[in-house]
Amino acid sequence: MTDDLERRLTDAVGPAPTLDLDRLRATLARRAADDGLLDVAHGTYDSPLGPLTVMVTFRGLVRLSYSHEAVDEQLAELAALVSPRIMAAPERTDEVRRQLEAYFAGNRRMFDIPIDWRLVRGFAGAVLRATAQIRFGAVSSYREIAMEAGSPNAYRAAGNALGSNPVPIVVPCHRVLRAGGGIGGYTGGLERKRYLLRLEGALTS
């Protein structure tokens, strides 16, 4: 009897609408932004180096994370240092993702993306700003970057600052090598560093 009643009701009103969660999330994120309740938006970009998590604020790109990094910890850091009003809102990261797509396709040599520098302080900030000036296809050394940042003997501290770069690729810490041309370290791993240098023509072997 119950099954017959359910069938007749379904025939009368039609099937229940399916819930489009992606559209619902996008609507919520848009309303939160319109109401001033969204300060940090994040989305994912599927790069040749694996998934990248893109995090942006109204000031610009604040974090770009490789898949092996603890994104939950980074979101907690952003909540503490920037704002707890964080939401998945991929459409807010579209411009960053478009420029990354063009870069990996070989169609972009410079990023035109504002950077939100609030996660870096002092000497580390000076190091990363100097690193951001290294042109496509060129490389520098830890000592040279330390010199550009105002402390030529602090090349180990410069290395530490580069190792904690919150926006790799866009701020191209992969272009910084050891004196003499050694590959040095990289937060994304040496294979990713070699890939990026080959993509830019700075490494041929």
N, C-alpha and C. Protein backbone atom coordinates (compact mmCIF):
# COMPACT_ATOMS: atom_id res chain seq x y z
N MET A 1 0.83 -1.20 0.00
CA MET A 1 0.00 0.00 0.00
C MET A 1 0.87 1.26 0.00
N THR A 2 1.92 1.23 0.85
CA THR A 2 2.83 2.38 0.93
C THR A 2 3.55 2.59 -0.38
N ASP A 3 4.03 1.51 -1.00
CA ASP A 3 4.74 1.63 -2.27
C ASP A 3 3.83 2.21 -3.34
N ASP A 4 2.58 1.80 -3.35
CA ASP A 4 1.63 2.32 -4.33
C ASP A 4 1.39 3.81 -4.12
N LEU A 5 1.30 4.24 -2.85
CA LEU A 5 1.11 5.66 -2.54
C LEU A 5 2.31 6.48 -2.99
N GLU A 6 3.52 5.99 -2.72
CA GLU A 6 4.73 6.70 -3.12
C GLU A 6 4.80 6.84 -4.65
N ARG A 7 4.39 5.75 -5.35
CA ARG A 7 4.43 5.79 -6.81
C ARG A 7 3.45 6.83 -7.36
N ARG A 8 2.23 6.86 -6.76
CA ARG A 8 1.24 7.82 -7.23
C ARG A 8 1.67 9.26 -6.93
N LEU A 9 2.30 9.48 -5.76
CA LEU A 9 2.79 10.83 -5.44
C LEU A 9 3.90 11.25 -6.39
N THR A 10 4.79 10.33 -6.71
CA THR A 10 5.87 10.63 -7.64
C THR A 10 5.33 10.97 -9.01
N ASP A 11 4.31 10.19 -9.44
CA ASP A 11 3.70 10.48 -10.74
C ASP A 11 3.07 11.85 -10.75
N ALA A 12 2.52 12.25 -9.59
CA ALA A 12 1.81 13.53 -9.52
C ALA A 12 2.75 14.72 -9.51
N VAL A 13 3.84 14.63 -8.74
CA VAL A 13 4.72 15.80 -8.55
C VAL A 13 6.05 15.67 -9.26
N GLY A 14 6.37 14.50 -9.79
CA GLY A 14 7.64 14.30 -10.46
C GLY A 14 8.72 13.88 -9.47
N PRO A 15 9.87 13.44 -9.97
CA PRO A 15 10.95 12.99 -9.09
C PRO A 15 11.54 14.15 -8.31
N ALA A 16 12.11 13.84 -7.15
CA ALA A 16 12.76 14.86 -6.33
C ALA A 16 13.95 15.43 -7.08
N PRO A 17 14.16 16.73 -7.03
CA PRO A 17 15.31 17.32 -7.74
C PRO A 17 16.62 16.86 -7.12
N THR A 18 17.64 16.67 -7.97
CA THR A 18 18.96 16.31 -7.47
C THR A 18 19.66 17.58 -6.98
N LEU A 19 20.49 17.39 -5.99
CA LEU A 19 21.18 18.53 -5.38
C LEU A 19 22.54 18.70 -6.04
N ASP A 20 22.77 19.83 -6.66
CA ASP A 20 24.04 20.15 -7.30
C ASP A 20 24.93 20.82 -6.26
N LEU A 21 25.79 20.00 -5.62
CA LEU A 21 26.60 20.51 -4.52
C LEU A 21 27.60 21.56 -4.99
N ASP A 22 28.17 21.37 -6.18
CA ASP A 22 29.14 22.34 -6.68
C ASP A 22 28.48 23.70 -6.88
N ARG A 23 27.27 23.69 -7.45
CA ARG A 23 26.57 24.95 -7.65
C ARG A 23 26.19 25.58 -6.32
N LEU A 24 25.78 24.74 -5.37
CA LEU A 24 25.42 25.24 -4.04
C LEU A 24 26.62 25.89 -3.36
N ARG A 25 27.79 25.22 -3.44
CA ARG A 25 29.00 25.79 -2.83
C ARG A 25 29.37 27.11 -3.49
N ALA A 26 29.27 27.16 -4.83
CA ALA A 26 29.59 28.39 -5.54
C ALA A 26 28.65 29.52 -5.13
N THR A 27 27.38 29.19 -4.98
CA THR A 27 26.40 30.21 -4.56
C THR A 27 26.71 30.71 -3.16
N LEU A 28 27.02 29.78 -2.25
CA LEU A 28 27.35 30.17 -0.87
C LEU A 28 28.60 31.04 -0.83
N ALA A 29 29.61 30.65 -1.62
CA ALA A 29 30.85 31.43 -1.64
C ALA A 29 30.60 32.83 -2.21
N ARG A 30 29.79 32.90 -3.25
CA ARG A 30 29.48 34.21 -3.85
C ARG A 30 28.74 35.10 -2.87
N ARG A 31 27.78 34.53 -2.16
CA ARG A 31 27.03 35.32 -1.19
C ARG A 31 27.92 35.74 -0.02
N ALA A 32 28.79 34.83 0.41
CA ALA A 32 29.70 35.17 1.50
C ALA A 32 30.61 36.32 1.08
N ALA A 33 31.12 36.28 -0.16
CA ALA A 33 31.98 37.35 -0.64
C ALA A 33 31.21 38.66 -0.75
N ASP A 34 29.99 38.59 -1.28
CA ASP A 34 29.17 39.80 -1.41
C ASP A 34 28.87 40.43 -0.06
N ASP A 35 28.74 39.60 0.96
CA ASP A 35 28.43 40.09 2.31
C ASP A 35 29.68 40.42 3.13
N GLY A 36 30.86 40.32 2.48
CA GLY A 36 32.11 40.61 3.20
C GLY A 36 32.50 39.55 4.18
N LEU A 37 32.06 38.30 3.95
CA LEU A 37 32.33 37.22 4.91
C LEU A 37 33.36 36.22 4.39
N LEU A 38 33.92 36.47 3.21
CA LEU A 38 34.92 35.58 2.62
C LEU A 38 36.22 36.35 2.43
N ASP A 39 37.23 36.00 3.21
CA ASP A 39 38.52 36.70 3.12
C ASP A 39 39.59 35.86 2.43
N VAL A 40 39.48 34.54 2.51
CA VAL A 40 40.45 33.64 1.86
C VAL A 40 39.67 32.59 1.08
N ALA A 41 39.91 32.54 -0.22
CA ALA A 41 39.26 31.55 -1.08
C ALA A 41 40.31 30.57 -1.58
N HIS A 42 39.91 29.30 -1.73
CA HIS A 42 40.88 28.34 -2.26
C HIS A 42 40.23 27.41 -3.28
N GLY A 43 41.08 26.92 -4.18
CA GLY A 43 40.66 25.99 -5.22
C GLY A 43 41.86 25.16 -5.64
N THR A 44 41.64 24.20 -6.52
CA THR A 44 42.70 23.28 -6.95
C THR A 44 42.96 23.44 -8.44
N TYR A 45 44.24 23.40 -8.80
CA TYR A 45 44.65 23.40 -10.20
C TYR A 45 45.44 22.12 -10.47
N ASP A 46 45.03 21.36 -11.47
CA ASP A 46 45.71 20.11 -11.82
C ASP A 46 46.85 20.41 -12.78
N SER A 47 48.05 20.52 -12.23
CA SER A 47 49.22 20.90 -13.01
C SER A 47 49.98 19.66 -13.46
N PRO A 48 50.95 19.82 -14.37
CA PRO A 48 51.82 18.70 -14.74
C PRO A 48 52.65 18.19 -13.56
N LEU A 49 52.76 18.96 -12.51
CA LEU A 49 53.51 18.57 -11.31
C LEU A 49 52.60 18.02 -10.23
N GLY A 50 51.35 17.73 -10.58
CA GLY A 50 50.39 17.25 -9.60
C GLY A 50 49.45 18.37 -9.18
N PRO A 51 48.44 18.03 -8.38
CA PRO A 51 47.48 19.05 -7.95
C PRO A 51 48.14 20.15 -7.13
N LEU A 52 47.78 21.39 -7.43
CA LEU A 52 48.24 22.54 -6.66
C LEU A 52 47.04 23.18 -5.98
N THR A 53 47.17 23.52 -4.72
CA THR A 53 46.11 24.25 -4.03
C THR A 53 46.42 25.74 -4.11
N VAL A 54 45.48 26.49 -4.66
CA VAL A 54 45.63 27.94 -4.85
C VAL A 54 44.80 28.64 -3.79
N MET A 55 45.42 29.54 -3.04
CA MET A 55 44.72 30.28 -1.99
C MET A 55 44.90 31.77 -2.24
N VAL A 56 43.80 32.49 -2.30
CA VAL A 56 43.86 33.92 -2.61
C VAL A 56 43.06 34.73 -1.60
N THR A 57 43.48 35.99 -1.44
CA THR A 57 42.73 36.97 -0.66
C THR A 57 42.40 38.13 -1.60
N PHE A 58 41.78 39.15 -1.06
CA PHE A 58 41.50 40.32 -1.89
C PHE A 58 42.79 41.07 -2.25
N ARG A 59 43.88 40.80 -1.54
CA ARG A 59 45.16 41.42 -1.88
C ARG A 59 45.88 40.68 -2.99
N GLY A 60 45.63 39.38 -3.13
CA GLY A 60 46.31 38.60 -4.15
C GLY A 60 46.56 37.17 -3.71
N LEU A 61 47.47 36.51 -4.42
CA LEU A 61 47.83 35.13 -4.13
C LEU A 61 48.59 35.07 -2.81
N VAL A 62 48.10 34.28 -1.86
CA VAL A 62 48.73 34.21 -0.55
C VAL A 62 49.45 32.88 -0.33
N ARG A 63 48.97 31.80 -0.99
CA ARG A 63 49.63 30.51 -0.90
C ARG A 63 49.39 29.70 -2.16
N LEU A 64 50.42 28.92 -2.53
CA LEU A 64 50.33 27.95 -3.62
C LEU A 64 51.03 26.69 -3.12
N SER A 65 50.29 25.60 -2.99
CA SER A 65 50.82 24.43 -2.30
C SER A 65 50.85 23.20 -3.19
N TYR A 66 51.94 22.45 -3.09
CA TYR A 66 52.03 21.16 -3.76
C TYR A 66 51.20 20.12 -3.01
N SER A 67 50.92 19.01 -3.69
CA SER A 67 50.01 18.01 -3.14
C SER A 67 50.53 17.33 -1.88
N HIS A 68 51.85 17.28 -1.71
CA HIS A 68 52.39 16.59 -0.53
C HIS A 68 52.36 17.47 0.72
N GLU A 69 52.05 18.74 0.56
CA GLU A 69 52.05 19.65 1.70
C GLU A 69 50.74 19.54 2.48
N ALA A 70 50.81 19.82 3.78
CA ALA A 70 49.66 19.69 4.66
C ALA A 70 48.76 20.91 4.50
N VAL A 71 47.79 20.81 3.59
CA VAL A 71 46.94 21.95 3.28
C VAL A 71 46.12 22.37 4.51
N ASP A 72 45.65 21.40 5.29
CA ASP A 72 44.87 21.74 6.49
C ASP A 72 45.68 22.61 7.44
N GLU A 73 46.97 22.30 7.58
CA GLU A 73 47.83 23.11 8.45
C GLU A 73 48.01 24.51 7.87
N GLN A 74 48.11 24.60 6.56
CA GLN A 74 48.27 25.91 5.93
C GLN A 74 47.00 26.74 6.07
N LEU A 75 45.85 26.10 5.94
CA LEU A 75 44.60 26.83 6.14
C LEU A 75 44.48 27.30 7.58
N ALA A 76 44.95 26.48 8.53
CA ALA A 76 44.94 26.89 9.93
C ALA A 76 45.86 28.08 10.15
N GLU A 77 47.02 28.08 9.48
CA GLU A 77 47.94 29.22 9.57
C GLU A 77 47.29 30.48 9.00
N LEU A 78 46.61 30.33 7.86
CA LEU A 78 45.92 31.48 7.28
C LEU A 78 44.82 31.99 8.21
N ALA A 79 44.11 31.06 8.84
CA ALA A 79 43.05 31.46 9.77
C ALA A 79 43.63 32.27 10.92
N ALA A 80 44.84 31.90 11.37
CA ALA A 80 45.45 32.60 12.50
C ALA A 80 46.09 33.92 12.10
N LEU A 81 46.71 33.97 10.91
CA LEU A 81 47.49 35.14 10.53
C LEU A 81 46.77 36.11 9.59
N VAL A 82 45.77 35.62 8.88
CA VAL A 82 45.07 36.46 7.91
C VAL A 82 43.61 36.63 8.30
N SER A 83 42.86 35.53 8.28
CA SER A 83 41.44 35.60 8.64
C SER A 83 40.89 34.18 8.75
N PRO A 84 39.99 33.94 9.70
CA PRO A 84 39.33 32.62 9.78
C PRO A 84 38.21 32.45 8.76
N ARG A 85 37.90 33.50 8.01
CA ARG A 85 36.79 33.42 7.06
C ARG A 85 37.32 32.86 5.73
N ILE A 86 37.44 31.53 5.71
CA ILE A 86 38.04 30.79 4.61
C ILE A 86 36.99 29.86 4.02
N MET A 87 36.99 29.77 2.69
CA MET A 87 36.00 28.91 2.04
C MET A 87 36.55 28.42 0.70
N ALA A 88 36.19 27.19 0.32
CA ALA A 88 36.48 26.71 -1.03
C ALA A 88 35.64 27.51 -2.01
N ALA A 89 36.30 28.25 -2.87
CA ALA A 89 35.61 29.08 -3.86
C ALA A 89 36.49 29.12 -5.11
N PRO A 90 36.50 28.01 -5.88
CA PRO A 90 37.44 27.90 -7.01
C PRO A 90 37.37 29.04 -8.00
N GLU A 91 36.16 29.59 -8.22
CA GLU A 91 36.05 30.66 -9.21
C GLU A 91 36.85 31.89 -8.82
N ARG A 92 37.09 32.07 -7.53
CA ARG A 92 37.90 33.21 -7.07
C ARG A 92 39.38 33.01 -7.39
N THR A 93 39.78 31.79 -7.73
CA THR A 93 41.18 31.50 -8.06
C THR A 93 41.38 31.36 -9.56
N ASP A 94 40.36 31.68 -10.35
CA ASP A 94 40.42 31.44 -11.80
C ASP A 94 41.60 32.13 -12.48
N GLU A 95 41.88 33.39 -12.12
CA GLU A 95 42.95 34.12 -12.81
C GLU A 95 44.30 33.46 -12.55
N VAL A 96 44.54 33.06 -11.32
CA VAL A 96 45.80 32.37 -11.00
C VAL A 96 45.89 31.07 -11.79
N ARG A 97 44.81 30.32 -11.82
CA ARG A 97 44.83 29.04 -12.53
C ARG A 97 45.00 29.23 -14.03
N ARG A 98 44.41 30.27 -14.60
CA ARG A 98 44.60 30.55 -16.03
C ARG A 98 46.06 30.86 -16.33
N GLN A 99 46.69 31.65 -15.48
CA GLN A 99 48.09 32.01 -15.73
C GLN A 99 49.01 30.80 -15.54
N LEU A 100 48.71 29.96 -14.57
CA LEU A 100 49.49 28.73 -14.41
C LEU A 100 49.34 27.83 -15.63
N GLU A 101 48.12 27.72 -16.14
CA GLU A 101 47.88 26.91 -17.34
C GLU A 101 48.71 27.42 -18.51
N ALA A 102 48.74 28.72 -18.71
CA ALA A 102 49.52 29.31 -19.80
C ALA A 102 51.02 29.10 -19.57
N TYR A 103 51.47 29.22 -18.34
CA TYR A 103 52.89 29.01 -18.02
C TYR A 103 53.31 27.58 -18.37
N PHE A 104 52.56 26.59 -17.91
CA PHE A 104 52.93 25.20 -18.15
C PHE A 104 52.80 24.83 -19.63
N ALA A 105 51.95 25.54 -20.35
CA ALA A 105 51.82 25.30 -21.78
C ALA A 105 52.92 25.98 -22.59
N GLY A 106 53.77 26.76 -21.92
CA GLY A 106 54.84 27.46 -22.61
C GLY A 106 54.42 28.77 -23.23
N ASN A 107 53.27 29.29 -22.83
CA ASN A 107 52.74 30.52 -23.42
C ASN A 107 52.86 31.73 -22.51
N ARG A 108 53.45 31.58 -21.35
CA ARG A 108 53.60 32.70 -20.43
C ARG A 108 54.97 32.64 -19.78
N ARG A 109 55.69 33.77 -19.79
CA ARG A 109 57.01 33.85 -19.17
C ARG A 109 57.01 34.64 -17.88
N MET A 110 56.00 35.48 -17.69
CA MET A 110 55.90 36.28 -16.47
C MET A 110 54.49 36.15 -15.91
N PHE A 111 54.40 36.08 -14.59
CA PHE A 111 53.10 36.07 -13.94
C PHE A 111 52.69 37.51 -13.62
N ASP A 112 51.45 37.81 -13.91
CA ASP A 112 50.90 39.11 -13.61
C ASP A 112 49.84 38.94 -12.52
N ILE A 113 50.30 38.49 -11.36
CA ILE A 113 49.40 38.15 -10.26
C ILE A 113 49.83 38.94 -9.03
N PRO A 114 48.96 39.71 -8.43
CA PRO A 114 49.32 40.38 -7.17
C PRO A 114 49.63 39.33 -6.09
N ILE A 115 50.61 39.62 -5.26
CA ILE A 115 50.99 38.72 -4.18
C ILE A 115 50.58 39.34 -2.85
N ASP A 116 49.95 38.56 -2.02
CA ASP A 116 49.67 38.95 -0.64
C ASP A 116 50.83 38.43 0.21
N TRP A 117 51.67 39.34 0.69
CA TRP A 117 52.91 38.97 1.38
C TRP A 117 52.74 38.81 2.88
N ARG A 118 51.55 38.72 3.40
CA ARG A 118 51.36 38.75 4.84
C ARG A 118 51.93 37.55 5.58
N LEU A 119 52.27 36.48 4.87
CA LEU A 119 52.83 35.30 5.54
C LEU A 119 54.35 35.37 5.67
N VAL A 120 54.97 36.40 5.12
CA VAL A 120 56.43 36.52 5.21
C VAL A 120 56.80 37.82 5.92
N ARG A 121 57.90 37.80 6.62
CA ARG A 121 58.32 38.95 7.42
C ARG A 121 59.82 39.21 7.23
N GLY A 122 60.23 40.42 7.44
CA GLY A 122 61.63 40.80 7.57
C GLY A 122 62.50 40.35 6.41
N PHE A 123 63.63 39.73 6.76
CA PHE A 123 64.62 39.32 5.76
C PHE A 123 64.02 38.33 4.77
N ALA A 124 63.17 37.42 5.25
CA ALA A 124 62.54 36.45 4.35
C ALA A 124 61.73 37.16 3.28
N GLY A 125 61.04 38.20 3.65
CA GLY A 125 60.28 38.96 2.67
C GLY A 125 61.18 39.62 1.64
N ALA A 126 62.31 40.15 2.09
CA ALA A 126 63.25 40.78 1.16
C ALA A 126 63.83 39.74 0.21
N VAL A 127 64.11 38.55 0.72
CA VAL A 127 64.64 37.46 -0.13
C VAL A 127 63.63 37.08 -1.21
N LEU A 128 62.37 36.92 -0.82
CA LEU A 128 61.36 36.50 -1.79
C LEU A 128 61.06 37.59 -2.80
N ARG A 129 61.09 38.83 -2.38
CA ARG A 129 60.88 39.92 -3.34
C ARG A 129 62.03 39.99 -4.34
N ALA A 130 63.26 39.74 -3.87
CA ALA A 130 64.40 39.70 -4.79
C ALA A 130 64.27 38.51 -5.74
N THR A 131 63.82 37.39 -5.23
CA THR A 131 63.65 36.19 -6.05
C THR A 131 62.60 36.42 -7.13
N ALA A 132 61.56 37.17 -6.79
CA ALA A 132 60.49 37.44 -7.76
C ALA A 132 61.00 38.20 -8.98
N GLN A 133 62.18 38.82 -8.87
CA GLN A 133 62.73 39.60 -9.99
C GLN A 133 63.60 38.77 -10.93
N ILE A 134 63.87 37.51 -10.60
CA ILE A 134 64.69 36.68 -11.49
C ILE A 134 63.87 36.37 -12.74
N ARG A 135 64.38 36.70 -13.88
CA ARG A 135 63.59 36.57 -15.11
C ARG A 135 63.51 35.12 -15.58
N PHE A 136 62.53 34.84 -16.37
CA PHE A 136 62.31 33.53 -16.98
C PHE A 136 63.56 33.10 -17.74
N GLY A 137 64.00 31.86 -17.52
CA GLY A 137 65.16 31.33 -18.22
C GLY A 137 66.48 31.64 -17.57
N ALA A 138 66.49 32.50 -16.54
CA ALA A 138 67.71 32.86 -15.83
C ALA A 138 67.74 32.16 -14.48
N VAL A 139 68.93 32.13 -13.88
CA VAL A 139 69.08 31.57 -12.53
C VAL A 139 69.94 32.51 -11.70
N SER A 140 69.88 32.32 -10.39
CA SER A 140 70.70 33.08 -9.47
C SER A 140 71.25 32.10 -8.43
N SER A 141 72.00 32.62 -7.46
CA SER A 141 72.54 31.78 -6.39
C SER A 141 72.02 32.28 -5.05
N TYR A 142 72.15 31.44 -4.04
CA TYR A 142 71.72 31.83 -2.70
C TYR A 142 72.48 33.08 -2.22
N ARG A 143 73.77 33.13 -2.51
CA ARG A 143 74.56 34.28 -2.08
C ARG A 143 74.12 35.55 -2.82
N GLU A 144 73.86 35.43 -4.11
CA GLU A 144 73.42 36.60 -4.88
C GLU A 144 72.07 37.11 -4.38
N ILE A 145 71.18 36.20 -4.05
CA ILE A 145 69.86 36.61 -3.54
C ILE A 145 70.00 37.25 -2.17
N ALA A 146 70.89 36.69 -1.33
CA ALA A 146 71.13 37.30 -0.02
C ALA A 146 71.67 38.72 -0.18
N MET A 147 72.55 38.91 -1.16
CA MET A 147 73.10 40.24 -1.43
C MET A 147 72.00 41.19 -1.88
N GLU A 148 71.13 40.72 -2.79
CA GLU A 148 70.02 41.55 -3.25
C GLU A 148 69.09 41.93 -2.10
N ALA A 149 68.97 41.02 -1.12
CA ALA A 149 68.09 41.26 0.03
C ALA A 149 68.76 42.12 1.10
N GLY A 150 70.05 42.47 0.90
CA GLY A 150 70.72 43.39 1.81
C GLY A 150 71.66 42.76 2.82
N SER A 151 71.85 41.43 2.77
CA SER A 151 72.76 40.76 3.72
C SER A 151 73.56 39.70 2.97
N PRO A 152 74.66 40.09 2.32
CA PRO A 152 75.39 39.17 1.43
C PRO A 152 75.93 37.92 2.11
N ASN A 153 76.17 37.98 3.43
CA ASN A 153 76.71 36.80 4.12
C ASN A 153 75.62 35.89 4.68
N ALA A 154 74.37 36.29 4.51
CA ALA A 154 73.27 35.52 5.10
C ALA A 154 72.67 34.56 4.08
N TYR A 155 73.55 33.88 3.32
CA TYR A 155 73.02 33.02 2.25
C TYR A 155 72.32 31.78 2.79
N ARG A 156 72.73 31.32 3.99
CA ARG A 156 72.01 30.18 4.58
C ARG A 156 70.60 30.61 5.01
N ALA A 157 70.49 31.78 5.59
CA ALA A 157 69.17 32.31 5.95
C ALA A 157 68.33 32.53 4.70
N ALA A 158 68.97 32.94 3.61
CA ALA A 158 68.26 33.10 2.34
C ALA A 158 67.72 31.76 1.87
N GLY A 159 68.53 30.71 2.03
CA GLY A 159 68.08 29.37 1.66
C GLY A 159 66.87 28.94 2.48
N ASN A 160 66.90 29.25 3.77
CA ASN A 160 65.76 28.91 4.63
C ASN A 160 64.49 29.66 4.20
N ALA A 161 64.66 30.93 3.85
CA ALA A 161 63.52 31.73 3.40
C ALA A 161 62.94 31.16 2.11
N LEU A 162 63.81 30.75 1.19
CA LEU A 162 63.35 30.16 -0.06
C LEU A 162 62.65 28.82 0.18
N GLY A 163 63.15 28.07 1.16
CA GLY A 163 62.54 26.78 1.48
C GLY A 163 61.15 26.90 2.05
N SER A 164 60.83 28.07 2.60
CA SER A 164 59.49 28.28 3.16
C SER A 164 58.66 29.24 2.31
N ASN A 165 59.04 29.40 1.05
CA ASN A 165 58.33 30.27 0.12
C ASN A 165 56.85 29.84 0.04
N PRO A 166 55.91 30.70 0.40
CA PRO A 166 54.50 30.30 0.38
C PRO A 166 53.89 30.28 -1.02
N VAL A 167 54.57 30.88 -2.01
CA VAL A 167 54.00 30.92 -3.36
C VAL A 167 55.04 30.47 -4.39
N PRO A 168 55.47 29.19 -4.33
CA PRO A 168 56.43 28.71 -5.32
C PRO A 168 55.86 28.81 -6.72
N ILE A 169 56.74 28.72 -7.70
CA ILE A 169 56.46 28.86 -9.13
C ILE A 169 56.21 30.33 -9.46
N VAL A 170 55.22 30.94 -8.85
CA VAL A 170 54.94 32.35 -9.12
C VAL A 170 56.06 33.23 -8.60
N VAL A 171 56.51 33.00 -7.37
CA VAL A 171 57.77 33.56 -6.88
C VAL A 171 58.80 32.46 -7.08
N PRO A 172 59.64 32.57 -8.11
CA PRO A 172 60.36 31.42 -8.67
C PRO A 172 61.61 31.01 -7.89
N CYS A 173 61.42 30.46 -6.71
CA CYS A 173 62.56 30.01 -5.92
C CYS A 173 63.29 28.85 -6.60
N HIS A 174 62.65 28.20 -7.58
CA HIS A 174 63.33 27.13 -8.32
C HIS A 174 64.47 27.68 -9.17
N ARG A 175 64.52 28.99 -9.38
CA ARG A 175 65.59 29.59 -10.19
C ARG A 175 66.83 29.92 -9.37
N VAL A 176 66.82 29.57 -8.09
CA VAL A 176 67.98 29.84 -7.24
C VAL A 176 68.74 28.53 -7.04
N LEU A 177 70.03 28.56 -7.42
CA LEU A 177 70.89 27.37 -7.37
C LEU A 177 72.05 27.60 -6.42
N ARG A 178 72.76 26.55 -6.12
CA ARG A 178 73.98 26.69 -5.33
C ARG A 178 75.06 27.34 -6.18
N ALA A 179 76.01 27.96 -5.50
CA ALA A 179 77.17 28.53 -6.20
C ALA A 179 77.86 27.40 -6.96
N GLY A 180 78.23 27.67 -8.19
CA GLY A 180 78.85 26.64 -9.02
C GLY A 180 77.84 25.86 -9.83
N GLY A 181 76.55 26.13 -9.65
CA GLY A 181 75.54 25.50 -10.48
C GLY A 181 74.86 24.29 -9.90
N GLY A 182 75.21 23.89 -8.65
CA GLY A 182 74.51 22.78 -8.01
C GLY A 182 73.03 23.07 -7.89
N ILE A 183 72.21 22.04 -7.99
CA ILE A 183 70.77 22.25 -8.06
C ILE A 183 70.18 22.84 -6.78
N GLY A 184 70.78 22.53 -5.63
CA GLY A 184 70.25 23.05 -4.37
C GLY A 184 68.99 22.31 -3.96
N GLY A 185 68.24 22.87 -3.02
CA GLY A 185 67.02 22.23 -2.54
C GLY A 185 65.78 22.87 -3.13
N TYR A 186 64.62 22.28 -2.81
CA TYR A 186 63.36 22.83 -3.29
C TYR A 186 62.22 22.24 -2.48
N THR A 187 61.28 23.11 -2.09
CA THR A 187 60.16 22.64 -1.26
C THR A 187 59.30 21.61 -1.97
N GLY A 188 59.24 21.64 -3.29
CA GLY A 188 58.45 20.68 -4.04
C GLY A 188 59.20 19.42 -4.41
N GLY A 189 60.49 19.33 -4.02
CA GLY A 189 61.30 18.18 -4.40
C GLY A 189 62.15 18.50 -5.62
N LEU A 190 63.29 17.84 -5.72
CA LEU A 190 64.24 18.18 -6.78
C LEU A 190 63.73 17.84 -8.17
N GLU A 191 62.91 16.80 -8.31
CA GLU A 191 62.38 16.48 -9.64
C GLU A 191 61.49 17.61 -10.16
N ARG A 192 60.69 18.18 -9.27
CA ARG A 192 59.86 19.32 -9.70
C ARG A 192 60.74 20.52 -10.06
N LYS A 193 61.79 20.73 -9.29
CA LYS A 193 62.69 21.85 -9.59
C LYS A 193 63.33 21.66 -10.95
N ARG A 194 63.80 20.46 -11.24
CA ARG A 194 64.40 20.19 -12.54
C ARG A 194 63.37 20.36 -13.66
N TYR A 195 62.16 19.91 -13.43
CA TYR A 195 61.10 20.07 -14.44
C TYR A 195 60.90 21.54 -14.78
N LEU A 196 60.79 22.39 -13.76
CA LEU A 196 60.55 23.81 -13.99
C LEU A 196 61.72 24.46 -14.71
N LEU A 197 62.93 24.10 -14.33
CA LEU A 197 64.11 24.67 -14.98
C LEU A 197 64.20 24.22 -16.44
N ARG A 198 63.83 22.96 -16.72
CA ARG A 198 63.81 22.50 -18.10
C ARG A 198 62.72 23.21 -18.90
N LEU A 199 61.56 23.39 -18.28
CA LEU A 199 60.46 24.08 -18.94
C LEU A 199 60.89 25.48 -19.39
N GLU A 200 61.72 26.13 -18.55
CA GLU A 200 62.14 27.50 -18.83
C GLU A 200 63.42 27.57 -19.66
N GLY A 201 64.01 26.41 -19.96
CA GLY A 201 65.21 26.39 -20.77
C GLY A 201 66.49 26.66 -20.00
N ALA A 202 66.41 26.69 -18.67
CA ALA A 202 67.61 26.96 -17.86
C ALA A 202 68.38 25.69 -17.53
N LEU A 203 67.79 24.54 -17.79
CA LEU A 203 68.45 23.25 -17.55
C LEU A 203 68.17 22.39 -18.77
N THR A 204 69.23 21.87 -19.36
CA THR A 204 69.07 21.13 -20.61
C THR A 204 69.38 19.67 -20.49
N SER A 205 70.01 19.25 -19.39
CA SER A 205 70.39 17.84 -19.27
C SER A 205 69.63 17.21 -18.13
